[in-house]
Amino acid sequence: MPIYTYRCENCGVQFDRHQSFEEEPMTLCPECNHRSLRKVYLPVGIVFKGSGFYATDHRSPSGQASAKKAEKAEKAEKTEKTEKTETGPKPAGESIKGGSSPAVD
């Protein structure tokens, strides 16, 4: 059930009331009994957090281009990670390229 805010234009009292959509709006003030009660329409508190919207949130071509760039960057990052894990650390007995090996007599 939605919550509606009412304010009396006569005495200034303001209060919230749970009402269904089918109910008629209140008009009689509970404090001063005048028919000067009005609904107060307040802005909805929406907070957008994060770096932006997803490409699927809108249909403009500009959003699709940035989504493709993001996909390419993700693929490149995944490829780098798999290459690093496949090569892995070298065993202790193996020599490093370009370095000098100890002299064997």
Protein backbone atom coordinates (compact mmCIF):
# COMPACT_ATOMS: atom_id res chain seq x y z
CA MET A 1 0.00 0.00 0.00
CA PRO A 2 1.40 3.42 -0.88
CA ILE A 3 2.06 6.12 1.68
CA TYR A 4 0.63 9.55 0.91
CA THR A 5 1.60 12.81 2.57
CA TYR A 6 -1.20 15.29 3.36
CA ARG A 7 -1.02 18.93 4.45
CA CYS A 8 -3.85 21.13 5.71
CA GLU A 9 -3.97 24.53 4.06
CA ASN A 10 -5.90 25.93 7.04
CA CYS A 11 -3.85 24.89 10.09
CA GLY A 12 -0.63 23.66 8.39
CA VAL A 13 -0.57 20.19 9.96
CA GLN A 14 1.25 17.59 7.81
CA PHE A 15 1.05 13.80 8.16
CA ASP A 16 1.49 10.52 6.25
CA ARG A 17 -1.25 7.97 5.62
CA HIS A 18 -1.28 4.43 4.19
CA GLN A 19 -4.02 4.23 1.58
CA SER A 20 -4.86 1.85 -1.23
CA PHE A 21 -5.20 3.07 -4.80
CA GLU A 22 -8.97 2.56 -4.69
CA GLU A 23 -9.52 4.84 -1.66
CA GLU A 24 -10.64 8.41 -2.21
CA PRO A 25 -8.12 11.07 -1.14
CA MET A 26 -8.68 12.61 2.28
CA THR A 27 -10.16 16.11 2.34
CA LEU A 28 -11.15 16.62 5.99
CA CYS A 29 -8.33 17.69 8.33
CA PRO A 30 -8.20 15.58 11.54
CA GLU A 31 -6.91 18.59 13.56
CA CYS A 32 -9.15 21.52 12.58
CA ASN A 33 -12.01 19.64 10.78
CA HIS A 34 -11.86 21.93 7.72
CA ARG A 35 -12.07 20.57 4.18
CA SER A 36 -8.69 22.04 3.24
CA LEU A 37 -6.54 18.90 3.17
CA ARG A 38 -4.33 18.42 0.08
CA LYS A 39 -1.88 15.74 -1.02
CA VAL A 40 1.76 16.78 -1.00
CA TYR A 41 3.74 15.52 -3.99
CA LEU A 42 7.37 15.09 -3.07
CA PRO A 43 10.23 14.20 -5.42
CA VAL A 44 11.26 10.58 -5.32
CA GLY A 45 14.67 10.00 -3.79
CA ILE A 46 16.60 8.12 -6.47
CA VAL A 47 20.34 7.76 -6.11
CA PHE A 48 22.44 6.59 -9.05
CA LYS A 49 25.69 5.07 -7.87
CA GLY A 50 28.57 3.79 -9.93
CA SER A 51 30.47 4.88 -12.96
CA GLY A 52 27.48 4.94 -15.28
CA PHE A 53 24.80 2.91 -16.97
CA TYR A 54 25.06 -0.40 -18.73
CA ALA A 55 24.87 -0.49 -22.52
CA THR A 56 21.59 -2.38 -22.26
CA ASP A 57 19.94 0.51 -20.37
CA HIS A 58 19.42 2.50 -23.57
CA ARG A 59 19.32 1.95 -27.33
CA SER A 60 21.53 4.78 -28.55
CA PRO A 61 24.48 3.84 -30.80
CA SER A 62 26.90 5.72 -28.56
CA GLY A 63 26.24 3.28 -25.71
CA GLN A 64 26.86 0.30 -27.96
CA ALA A 65 30.30 1.58 -28.98
CA SER A 66 31.43 1.92 -25.38
CA ALA A 67 30.08 -1.55 -24.60
CA LYS A 68 32.17 -3.04 -27.42
CA LYS A 69 35.29 -1.31 -26.07
CA ALA A 70 34.59 -2.71 -22.61
CA GLU A 71 34.14 -6.22 -24.03
CA LYS A 72 37.45 -5.99 -25.91
CA ALA A 73 39.23 -4.82 -22.75
CA GLU A 74 37.75 -7.71 -20.75
CA LYS A 75 38.84 -10.24 -23.38
CA ALA A 76 42.38 -8.81 -23.44
CA GLU A 77 42.55 -8.97 -19.64
CA LYS A 78 41.40 -12.59 -19.60
CA THR A 79 43.95 -13.52 -22.26
CA GLU A 80 46.77 -11.94 -20.23
CA LYS A 81 45.72 -13.84 -17.12
CA THR A 82 45.61 -17.20 -18.92
CA GLU A 83 49.04 -16.59 -20.49
CA LYS A 84 50.53 -15.81 -17.09
CA THR A 85 49.07 -18.93 -15.49
CA GLU A 86 50.16 -21.18 -18.40
CA THR A 87 53.79 -20.03 -18.28
CA GLY A 88 53.91 -19.99 -14.49
CA PRO A 89 57.11 -19.86 -12.43
CA LYS A 90 60.18 -21.74 -13.74
CA PRO A 91 61.64 -24.68 -11.81
CA ALA A 92 64.72 -23.94 -9.69
CA GLY A 93 67.18 -25.96 -11.86
CA GLU A 94 66.27 -24.20 -15.11
CA SER A 95 68.49 -21.36 -16.32
CA ILE A 96 67.12 -17.92 -17.17
CA LYS A 97 67.57 -16.69 -20.75
CA GLY A 98 70.15 -13.98 -21.17
CA GLY A 99 71.76 -14.66 -17.79
CA SER A 100 75.13 -16.27 -17.17
CA SER A 101 75.18 -19.84 -15.96
CA PRO A 102 77.55 -20.95 -13.27
CA ALA A 103 80.81 -22.46 -14.53
CA VAL A 104 81.00 -26.22 -14.31
CA ASP A 105 84.50 -27.78 -13.88
